[in-house]
């Protein structure tokens, strides 16, 4: 026989009750885990604050305290919360129904394993049908009896939040301990906590925290170069800027001894920074800043034996047609703005004899002529880009850390011809022998020649081939203008046009220079001039 609807309903009721028990158990475990986590980490935090209060550790130790405490505590909290969410949403598979029902039933004297047995029988019959050794009537009777026994029983009572009273009191005690400690020793406890949180600061007697931001930090340079150093003093007190700090260097000898220099007093700049230049560095050295016995991190300048550009000049020669004079930039000024087609010349001086010199423009090499420590070369600027110098000494050692410079090119736009008269797209002649034509011509740098070409487009003789253009020069009153309207009286009689024939015109403009892209701009006028 088939399972009746009442039996199935009873089974589903058991499933629902066990799901409620499991949900309550998950919440219980989450609450318990969070309570113990807060207790443990409150106590650990209290111990860390006490240790900092007593021993006043250096920044590296406080950094370990801060990140160790933060990472472990956050990881633990994330574990408990995510575990609860994943199990509650069913992403993590819930426990087996039969085994879980046995676990729950064992907590009730009148249920024990009866609940798990009934559920097991139902599942067995439901999966195997008549092949099971138990009859449907027996299973129905068993389910009904179990339902009667559990009907008045609150299965969720097996989970009791009252068990968490003790850890909750411990948690309150830990909070109270914090409150008392900060109430009795407010400045000491808060000061120690602030030092741990602001672990990257060093502190002096009045509790002010100081740290340094030093630029460029560690550096590699060529022998004889200088290094510009910029120092900023950071503080836990907003707006605090000291009037003066001390700057030290340590010269590293060939025997690896460190020779400490006398301090250099640095005054604050208008922007709050402190600046100095370490000149003519010929050996490795260490440098650092100090304020009221609080030292910055020590930084090392390492002197390497590679070629560098000690000085350079850039000269720009625009194309002749632009009328723009050549210009030599200030020494060591490398950014260029020039017309398209300009020739850019470089002269450089290095600290070593060179076997190769050049630039990389948009990663494309441009080789220079080399002579000892000097080199020179040039290229034509056709596009925007970035370049830097590339050097190689006689031993094959290549340059490093070269600065990037920009080249911005002003494009040379193509010349333009616009026919303004006649305005009609098809102009019909009415017996006139001359026709006034006007064209507006434009170019960035002026013009040298304008021509008008004309020919018949259709002949009554039936000749399929059109004759070549006949050209006549058109006078340009101001060839240096960048835009001008040019009139021209066209002698149509020369074409000997008859009724039914038509003609076409072609303007040809020669701009002042021979450009890279070609010297001529053409526009064919599609107008036809039929004879009536």
Foldseek 3Di string as FASTA:
>chain_A
DDADPVLVVLLVVLVVLLLVLVLLVLVLVLVLQVLVLLLVLLVVVVVQLVVCLVPVDALVVLQCVQVVSVVVSVVSNCVSVVVSVCVNVCVPPDDDSLVSVQVLQCVDPVRHNLVSVLSVVVVVCVVPPPVDPDDSVVSSVSSVVNCVVCVPPNSNVVDDSVVCPVSVVSSVVSVVVVVVVCVVVVCSSVLSVVCSVVSQFDADDVSKTKAKDKPPFAEEEAAFAKDKIKMAIDIPDPPDADQKKWKWKWFQDPVRDTRIDDTDIFGADPVRMTIDMGGRHHAKMWMWIDDPNDIYDIGIYHHDHWKDWPKKKKKKCADVLQVDHIDIDDIPDFAEEEAAFIKMKMKTFMPFFFPWKFKQWQNNTDTWDGDGRMTMDIDGDHAKTKMWMWTAHPVRGIDDDTDIYIYHYDYFDDKDKAKDPPPDLAAEDEPDQKGKTKIKIFGNFFFDWKKKWKFWPDDPVPDPDTDDTDIDTFDDPDRRDRIDMGMDIDRNVVHVADAPIWMWMKMWTFGDDQDPVGGIDIDTRNYIYGYD
